[in-house]
Amino acid sequence: MYRPQPHPTMIGTAWRGHHVVILRCNPYTNQFLGINTSLEAPFEPTHPTCTETLSRFLSIGYTMINTTMISQTEIQYVLIKK
């Protein structure tokens, strides 16, 4: 009798899903403030200017899904990559 395994082993299999990057910038001075990423996210070197940092991540396939004004001088960009 065939009995399917409840969950296949995950060791050695490729990770599937979304990678997430959160960039924080000052929109008035174009200053890059910080970054947070998921553990295995493809990463590009950051640049002191926000526009160049955003450009680098968009060029490797990230998509901007949300932008939020955190304070008077800080904006947060949420990017994902499938």
PDB file of N, CA and C in Angstrom:
ATOM      1  N   MET A   1       0.840  -1.170   0.000  1.00  0.00           N
ATOM      2  CA  MET A   1       0.000   0.000   0.000  1.00  0.00           C
ATOM      3  C   MET A   1       0.892   1.242   0.000  1.00  0.00           C
ATOM      4  N   TYR A   2       0.548   2.228  -0.846  1.00  0.00           N
ATOM      5  CA  TYR A   2       1.311   3.473  -0.947  1.00  0.00           C
ATOM      6  C   TYR A   2       0.869   4.448   0.147  1.00  0.00           C
ATOM      7  N   ARG A   3       1.838   4.957   0.893  1.00  0.00           N
ATOM      8  CA  ARG A   3       1.548   5.971   1.914  1.00  0.00           C
ATOM      9  C   ARG A   3       2.387   7.203   1.610  1.00  0.00           C
ATOM     10  N   PRO A   4       1.742   8.302   1.232  1.00  0.00           N
ATOM     11  CA  PRO A   4       2.508   9.511   0.932  1.00  0.00           C
ATOM     12  C   PRO A   4       3.158  10.067   2.190  1.00  0.00           C
ATOM     13  N   GLN A   5       4.339  10.630   2.005  1.00  0.00           N
ATOM     14  CA  GLN A   5       5.031  11.269   3.115  1.00  0.00           C
ATOM     15  C   GLN A   5       4.305  12.562   3.474  1.00  0.00           C
ATOM     16  N   PRO A   6       4.165  12.895   4.758  1.00  0.00           N
ATOM     17  CA  PRO A   6       3.427  14.096   5.142  1.00  0.00           C
ATOM     18  C   PRO A   6       4.095  15.380   4.638  1.00  0.00           C
ATOM     19  N   HIS A   7       5.406  15.485   4.765  1.00  0.00           N
ATOM     20  CA  HIS A   7       6.131  16.667   4.312  1.00  0.00           C
ATOM     21  C   HIS A   7       7.483  16.221   3.774  1.00  0.00           C
ATOM     22  N   PRO A   8       7.798  16.582   2.540  1.00  0.00           N
ATOM     23  CA  PRO A   8       9.122  16.222   2.041  1.00  0.00           C
ATOM     24  C   PRO A   8      10.203  16.996   2.797  1.00  0.00           C
ATOM     25  N   THR A   9      11.372  16.425   2.860  1.00  0.00           N
ATOM     26  CA  THR A   9      12.466  17.096   3.542  1.00  0.00           C
ATOM     27  C   THR A   9      12.827  18.395   2.833  1.00  0.00           C
ATOM     28  N   MET A  10      13.202  19.407   3.593  1.00  0.00           N
ATOM     29  CA  MET A  10      13.542  20.702   3.016  1.00  0.00           C
ATOM     30  C   MET A  10      15.053  20.868   2.861  1.00  0.00           C
ATOM     31  N   ILE A  11      15.832  19.984   3.455  1.00  0.00           N
ATOM     32  CA  ILE A  11      17.288  20.122   3.376  1.00  0.00           C
ATOM     33  C   ILE A  11      17.734  19.851   1.946  1.00  0.00           C
ATOM     34  N   GLY A  12      18.530  20.770   1.411  1.00  0.00           N
ATOM     35  CA  GLY A  12      19.068  20.605   0.069  1.00  0.00           C
ATOM     36  C   GLY A  12      18.162  21.068  -1.051  1.00  0.00           C
ATOM     37  N   THR A  13      16.976  21.553  -0.726  1.00  0.00           N
ATOM     38  CA  THR A  13      16.083  22.046  -1.774  1.00  0.00           C
ATOM     39  C   THR A  13      16.211  23.551  -1.886  1.00  0.00           C
ATOM     40  N   ALA A  14      15.951  24.067  -3.067  1.00  0.00           N
ATOM     41  CA  ALA A  14      16.055  25.510  -3.298  1.00  0.00           C
ATOM     42  C   ALA A  14      14.950  26.238  -2.543  1.00  0.00           C
ATOM     43  N   TRP A  15      15.297  27.398  -2.021  1.00  0.00           N
ATOM     44  CA  TRP A  15      14.310  28.219  -1.320  1.00  0.00           C
ATOM     45  C   TRP A  15      13.416  28.876  -2.344  1.00  0.00           C
ATOM     46  N   ARG A  16      12.115  28.822  -2.122  1.00  0.00           N
ATOM     47  CA  ARG A  16      11.175  29.449  -3.032  1.00  0.00           C
ATOM     48  C   ARG A  16      10.355  30.465  -2.268  1.00  0.00           C
ATOM     49  N   GLY A  17       9.975  31.542  -2.941  1.00  0.00           N
ATOM     50  CA  GLY A  17       9.168  32.561  -2.298  1.00  0.00           C
ATOM     51  C   GLY A  17       9.646  33.935  -2.679  1.00  0.00           C
ATOM     52  N   HIS A  18       9.355  34.881  -1.847  1.00  0.00           N
ATOM     53  CA  HIS A  18       9.721  36.266  -2.097  1.00  0.00           C
ATOM     54  C   HIS A  18      10.893  36.696  -1.220  1.00  0.00           C
ATOM     55  N   HIS A  19      11.739  37.520  -1.799  1.00  0.00           N
ATOM     56  CA  HIS A  19      12.781  38.179  -1.029  1.00  0.00           C
ATOM     57  C   HIS A  19      12.276  39.588  -0.748  1.00  0.00           C
ATOM     58  N   VAL A  20      12.566  40.115   0.420  1.00  0.00           N
ATOM     59  CA  VAL A  20      12.069  41.426   0.829  1.00  0.00           C
ATOM     60  C   VAL A  20      13.244  42.326   1.199  1.00  0.00           C
ATOM     61  N   VAL A  21      13.182  43.574   0.722  1.00  0.00           N
ATOM     62  CA  VAL A  21      14.155  44.596   1.079  1.00  0.00           C
ATOM     63  C   VAL A  21      13.373  45.834   1.500  1.00  0.00           C
ATOM     64  N   ILE A  22      13.752  46.429   2.629  1.00  0.00           N
ATOM     65  CA  ILE A  22      13.154  47.680   3.087  1.00  0.00           C
ATOM     66  C   ILE A  22      14.260  48.734   3.107  1.00  0.00           C
ATOM     67  N   LEU A  23      14.065  49.792   2.324  1.00  0.00           N
ATOM     68  CA  LEU A  23      15.020  50.901   2.268  1.00  0.00           C
ATOM     69  C   LEU A  23      14.431  52.101   2.972  1.00  0.00           C
ATOM     70  N   ARG A  24      15.255  52.819   3.720  1.00  0.00           N
ATOM     71  CA  ARG A  24      14.818  54.050   4.371  1.00  0.00           C
ATOM     72  C   ARG A  24      15.653  55.208   3.840  1.00  0.00           C
ATOM     73  N   CYS A  25      14.973  56.298   3.479  1.00  0.00           N
ATOM     74  CA  CYS A  25      15.647  57.435   2.853  1.00  0.00           C
ATOM     75  C   CYS A  25      15.061  58.753   3.357  1.00  0.00           C
ATOM     76  N   ASN A  26      15.852  59.819   3.201  1.00  0.00           N
ATOM     77  CA  ASN A  26      15.359  61.171   3.413  1.00  0.00           C
ATOM     78  C   ASN A  26      14.985  61.698   2.031  1.00  0.00           C
ATOM     79  N   PRO A  27      13.688  61.913   1.768  1.00  0.00           N
ATOM     80  CA  PRO A  27      13.270  62.319   0.420  1.00  0.00           C
ATOM     81  C   PRO A  27      13.669  63.752   0.058  1.00  0.00           C
ATOM     82  N   TYR A  28      13.987  64.568   1.038  1.00  0.00           N
ATOM     83  CA  TYR A  28      14.319  65.967   0.762  1.00  0.00           C
ATOM     84  C   TYR A  28      15.790  66.164   0.425  1.00  0.00           C
ATOM     85  N   THR A  29      16.648  65.326   1.036  1.00  0.00           N
ATOM     86  CA  THR A  29      18.087  65.460   0.782  1.00  0.00           C
ATOM     87  C   THR A  29      18.630  64.338  -0.098  1.00  0.00           C
ATOM     88  N   ASN A  30      17.772  63.360  -0.461  1.00  0.00           N
ATOM     89  CA  ASN A  30      18.171  62.207  -1.267  1.00  0.00           C
ATOM     90  C   ASN A  30      19.209  61.355  -0.543  1.00  0.00           C
ATOM     91  N   GLN A  31      19.211  61.383   0.782  1.00  0.00           N
ATOM     92  CA  GLN A  31      20.180  60.636   1.582  1.00  0.00           C
ATOM     93  C   GLN A  31      19.641  59.255   1.911  1.00  0.00           C
ATOM     94  N   PHE A  32      20.456  58.232   1.638  1.00  0.00           N
ATOM     95  CA  PHE A  32      20.139  56.860   2.019  1.00  0.00           C
ATOM     96  C   PHE A  32      20.369  56.716   3.519  1.00  0.00           C
ATOM     97  N   LEU A  33      19.371  56.203   4.272  1.00  0.00           N
ATOM     98  CA  LEU A  33      19.464  56.105   5.725  1.00  0.00           C
ATOM     99  C   LEU A  33      19.714  54.696   6.241  1.00  0.00           C
ATOM    100  N   GLY A  34      19.167  53.690   5.573  1.00  0.00           N
ATOM    101  CA  GLY A  34      19.357  52.338   6.078  1.00  0.00           C
ATOM    102  C   GLY A  34      18.629  51.301   5.255  1.00  0.00           C
ATOM    103  N   ILE A  35      18.936  50.028   5.544  1.00  0.00           N
ATOM    104  CA  ILE A  35      18.353  48.915   4.805  1.00  0.00           C
ATOM    105  C   ILE A  35      18.106  47.742   5.743  1.00  0.00           C
ATOM    106  N   ASN A  36      17.036  47.009   5.474  1.00  0.00           N
ATOM    107  CA  ASN A  36      16.748  45.734   6.125  1.00  0.00           C
ATOM    108  C   ASN A  36      16.384  44.757   5.015  1.00  0.00           C
ATOM    109  N   THR A  37      16.889  43.519   5.108  1.00  0.00           N
ATOM    110  CA  THR A  37      16.605  42.530   4.068  1.00  0.00           C
ATOM    111  C   THR A  37      16.228  41.198   4.693  1.00  0.00           C
ATOM    112  N   SER A  38      15.519  40.386   3.910  1.00  0.00           N
ATOM    113  CA  SER A  38      15.313  39.007   4.322  1.00  0.00           C
ATOM    114  C   SER A  38      16.669  38.302   4.235  1.00  0.00           C
ATOM    115  N   LEU A  39      16.807  37.186   4.916  1.00  0.00           N
ATOM    116  CA  LEU A  39      18.115  36.556   5.086  1.00  0.00           C
ATOM    117  C   LEU A  39      18.813  36.179   3.781  1.00  0.00           C
ATOM    118  N   GLU A  40      18.099  35.657   2.817  1.00  0.00           N
ATOM    119  CA  GLU A  40      18.714  35.175   1.579  1.00  0.00           C
ATOM    120  C   GLU A  40      18.476  36.093   0.396  1.00  0.00           C
ATOM    121  N   ALA A  41      18.087  37.322   0.644  1.00  0.00           N
ATOM    122  CA  ALA A  41      17.759  38.250  -0.445  1.00  0.00           C
ATOM    123  C   ALA A  41      18.994  38.603  -1.267  1.00  0.00           C
ATOM    124  N   PRO A  42      18.857  38.582  -2.609  1.00  0.00           N
ATOM    125  CA  PRO A  42      19.947  39.086  -3.446  1.00  0.00           C
ATOM    126  C   PRO A  42      20.204  40.545  -3.091  1.00  0.00           C
ATOM    127  N   PHE A  43      21.453  40.922  -3.003  1.00  0.00           N
ATOM    128  CA  PHE A  43      21.802  42.217  -2.445  1.00  0.00           C
ATOM    129  C   PHE A  43      22.750  42.961  -3.371  1.00  0.00           C
ATOM    130  N   GLU A  44      22.557  44.245  -3.500  1.00  0.00           N
ATOM    131  CA  GLU A  44      23.455  45.134  -4.229  1.00  0.00           C
ATOM    132  C   GLU A  44      24.095  46.077  -3.219  1.00  0.00           C
ATOM    133  N   PRO A  45      25.314  46.543  -3.486  1.00  0.00           N
ATOM    134  CA  PRO A  45      25.910  47.533  -2.584  1.00  0.00           C
ATOM    135  C   PRO A  45      25.062  48.805  -2.550  1.00  0.00           C
ATOM    136  N   THR A  46      24.918  49.365  -1.369  1.00  0.00           N
ATOM    137  CA  THR A  46      24.150  50.604  -1.254  1.00  0.00           C
ATOM    138  C   THR A  46      25.035  51.790  -1.647  1.00  0.00           C
ATOM    139  N   HIS A  47      24.381  52.921  -1.878  1.00  0.00           N
ATOM    140  CA  HIS A  47      25.060  54.159  -2.268  1.00  0.00           C
ATOM    141  C   HIS A  47      24.581  55.244  -1.313  1.00  0.00           C
ATOM    142  N   PRO A  48      25.367  56.267  -1.063  1.00  0.00           N
ATOM    143  CA  PRO A  48      24.928  57.342  -0.156  1.00  0.00           C
ATOM    144  C   PRO A  48      23.649  58.056  -0.615  1.00  0.00           C
ATOM    145  N   THR A  49      23.347  58.005  -1.926  1.00  0.00           N
ATOM    146  CA  THR A  49      22.105  58.637  -2.389  1.00  0.00           C
ATOM    147  C   THR A  49      21.001  57.591  -2.513  1.00  0.00           C
ATOM    148  N   CYS A  50      19.816  57.991  -2.163  1.00  0.00           N
ATOM    149  CA  CYS A  50      18.671  57.097  -2.193  1.00  0.00           C
ATOM    150  C   CYS A  50      18.321  56.676  -3.617  1.00  0.00           C
ATOM    151  N   THR A  51      18.340  57.613  -4.540  1.00  0.00           N
ATOM    152  CA  THR A  51      17.941  57.283  -5.911  1.00  0.00           C
ATOM    153  C   THR A  51      18.853  56.237  -6.532  1.00  0.00           C
ATOM    154  N   GLU A  52      20.140  56.325  -6.288  1.00  0.00           N
ATOM    155  CA  GLU A  52      21.066  55.324  -6.842  1.00  0.00           C
ATOM    156  C   GLU A  52      20.858  53.972  -6.185  1.00  0.00           C
ATOM    157  N   THR A  53      20.617  53.936  -4.886  1.00  0.00           N
ATOM    158  CA  THR A  53      20.357  52.672  -4.196  1.00  0.00           C
ATOM    159  C   THR A  53      19.081  52.034  -4.726  1.00  0.00           C
ATOM    160  N   LEU A  54      18.015  52.808  -4.874  1.00  0.00           N
ATOM    161  CA  LEU A  54      16.770  52.283  -5.446  1.00  0.00           C
ATOM    162  C   LEU A  54      16.997  51.764  -6.858  1.00  0.00           C
ATOM    163  N   SER A  55      17.731  52.505  -7.652  1.00  0.00           N
ATOM    164  CA  SER A  55      18.013  52.113  -9.025  1.00  0.00           C
ATOM    165  C   SER A  55      18.729  50.763  -9.088  1.00  0.00           C
ATOM    166  N   ARG A  56      19.668  50.547  -8.203  1.00  0.00           N
ATOM    167  CA  ARG A  56      20.420  49.292  -8.185  1.00  0.00           C
ATOM    168  C   ARG A  56      19.524  48.097  -7.884  1.00  0.00           C
ATOM    169  N   PHE A  57      18.613  48.252  -6.924  1.00  0.00           N
ATOM    170  CA  PHE A  57      17.731  47.141  -6.577  1.00  0.00           C
ATOM    171  C   PHE A  57      16.673  46.898  -7.651  1.00  0.00           C
ATOM    172  N   LEU A  58      16.157  47.960  -8.243  1.00  0.00           N
ATOM    173  CA  LEU A  58      15.188  47.793  -9.329  1.00  0.00           C
ATOM    174  C   LEU A  58      15.840  47.137 -10.539  1.00  0.00           C
ATOM    175  N   SER A  59      17.112  47.423 -10.782  1.00  0.00           N
ATOM    176  CA  SER A  59      17.794  46.868 -11.952  1.00  0.00           C
ATOM    177  C   SER A  59      18.062  45.370 -11.836  1.00  0.00           C
ATOM    178  N   ILE A  60      18.051  44.817 -10.624  1.00  0.00           N
ATOM    179  CA  ILE A  60      18.258  43.369 -10.483  1.00  0.00           C
ATOM    180  C   ILE A  60      16.942  42.620 -10.282  1.00  0.00           C
ATOM    181  N   GLY A  61      15.824  43.291 -10.531  1.00  0.00           N
ATOM    182  CA  GLY A  61      14.544  42.589 -10.555  1.00  0.00           C
ATOM    183  C   GLY A  61      13.606  42.798  -9.392  1.00  0.00           C
ATOM    184  N   TYR A  62      13.936  43.666  -8.461  1.00  0.00           N
ATOM    185  CA  TYR A  62      13.006  43.959  -7.372  1.00  0.00           C
ATOM    186  C   TYR A  62      11.865  44.834  -7.889  1.00  0.00           C
ATOM    187  N   THR A  63      10.718  44.714  -7.251  1.00  0.00           N
ATOM    188  CA  THR A  63       9.539  45.522  -7.565  1.00  0.00           C
ATOM    189  C   THR A  63       9.127  46.271  -6.313  1.00  0.00           C
ATOM    190  N   MET A  64       8.838  47.557  -6.458  1.00  0.00           N
ATOM    191  CA  MET A  64       8.391  48.348  -5.319  1.00  0.00           C
ATOM    192  C   MET A  64       6.911  48.055  -5.080  1.00  0.00           C
ATOM    193  N   ILE A  65       6.591  47.622  -3.861  1.00  0.00           N
ATOM    194  CA  ILE A  65       5.191  47.305  -3.565  1.00  0.00           C
ATOM    195  C   ILE A  65       4.551  48.291  -2.596  1.00  0.00           C
ATOM    196  N   ASN A  66       5.361  49.072  -1.887  1.00  0.00           N
ATOM    197  CA  ASN A  66       4.783  50.014  -0.936  1.00  0.00           C
ATOM    198  C   ASN A  66       5.788  51.118  -0.631  1.00  0.00           C
ATOM    199  N   THR A  67       5.259  52.302  -0.392  1.00  0.00           N
ATOM    200  CA  THR A  67       6.052  53.447   0.048  1.00  0.00           C
ATOM    201  C   THR A  67       5.285  54.106   1.180  1.00  0.00           C
ATOM    202  N   THR A  68       5.971  54.348   2.298  1.00  0.00           N
ATOM    203  CA  THR A  68       5.319  54.929   3.465  1.00  0.00           C
ATOM    204  C   THR A  68       6.177  56.049   4.031  1.00  0.00           C
ATOM    205  N   MET A  69       5.552  57.187   4.299  1.00  0.00           N
ATOM    206  CA  MET A  69       6.242  58.292   4.954  1.00  0.00           C
ATOM    207  C   MET A  69       6.252  57.991   6.445  1.00  0.00           C
ATOM    208  N   ILE A  70       7.435  57.718   7.003  1.00  0.00           N
ATOM    209  CA  ILE A  70       7.577  57.339   8.411  1.00  0.00           C
ATOM    210  C   ILE A  70       7.551  58.576   9.309  1.00  0.00           C
ATOM    211  N   SER A  71       8.224  59.629   8.865  1.00  0.00           N
ATOM    212  CA  SER A  71       8.263  60.886   9.612  1.00  0.00           C
ATOM    213  C   SER A  71       8.417  62.029   8.612  1.00  0.00           C
ATOM    214  N   GLN A  72       8.602  63.231   9.102  1.00  0.00           N
ATOM    215  CA  GLN A  72       8.768  64.399   8.222  1.00  0.00           C
ATOM    216  C   GLN A  72       9.983  64.263   7.307  1.00  0.00           C
ATOM    217  N   THR A  73      10.993  63.517   7.750  1.00  0.00           N
ATOM    218  CA  THR A  73      12.236  63.427   6.980  1.00  0.00           C
ATOM    219  C   THR A  73      12.636  61.991   6.632  1.00  0.00           C
ATOM    220  N   GLU A  74      11.706  61.049   6.743  1.00  0.00           N
ATOM    221  CA  GLU A  74      12.057  59.662   6.436  1.00  0.00           C
ATOM    222  C   GLU A  74      10.936  58.960   5.690  1.00  0.00           C
ATOM    223  N   ILE A  75      11.314  58.316   4.594  1.00  0.00           N
ATOM    224  CA  ILE A  75      10.377  57.535   3.791  1.00  0.00           C
ATOM    225  C   ILE A  75      10.898  56.108   3.726  1.00  0.00           C
ATOM    226  N   GLN A  76       9.975  55.155   3.700  1.00  0.00           N
ATOM    227  CA  GLN A  76      10.344  53.744   3.668  1.00  0.00           C
ATOM    228  C   GLN A  76       9.823  53.122   2.382  1.00  0.00           C
ATOM    229  N   TYR A  77      10.703  52.434   1.653  1.00  0.00           N
ATOM    230  CA  TYR A  77      10.340  51.736   0.430  1.00  0.00           C
ATOM    231  C   TYR A  77      10.408  50.235   0.698  1.00  0.00           C
ATOM    232  N   VAL A  78       9.345  49.514   0.333  1.00  0.00           N
ATOM    233  CA  VAL A  78       9.330  48.060   0.472  1.00  0.00           C
ATOM    234  C   VAL A  78       9.413  47.465  -0.919  1.00  0.00           C
ATOM    235  N   LEU A  79      10.444  46.650  -1.140  1.00  0.00           N
ATOM    236  CA  LEU A  79      10.689  46.021  -2.425  1.00  0.00           C
ATOM    237  C   LEU A  79      10.619  44.509  -2.270  1.00  0.00           C
ATOM    238  N   ILE A  80      10.104  43.817  -3.300  1.00  0.00           N
ATOM    239  CA  ILE A  80      10.106  42.351  -3.286  1.00  0.00           C
ATOM    240  C   ILE A  80      10.707  41.832  -4.584  1.00  0.00           C
ATOM    241  N   LYS A  81      11.222  40.618  -4.512  1.00  0.00           N
ATOM    242  CA  LYS A  81      11.751  39.941  -5.684  1.00  0.00           C
ATOM    243  C   LYS A  81      11.270  38.499  -5.610  1.00  0.00           C
ATOM    244  N   LYS A  82      10.661  38.030  -6.697  1.00  0.00           N
ATOM    245  CA  LYS A  82      10.158  36.641  -6.740  1.00  0.00           C
ATOM    246  C   LYS A  82      11.254  35.713  -7.181  1.00  0.00           C
TER     247      LYS A  82
END
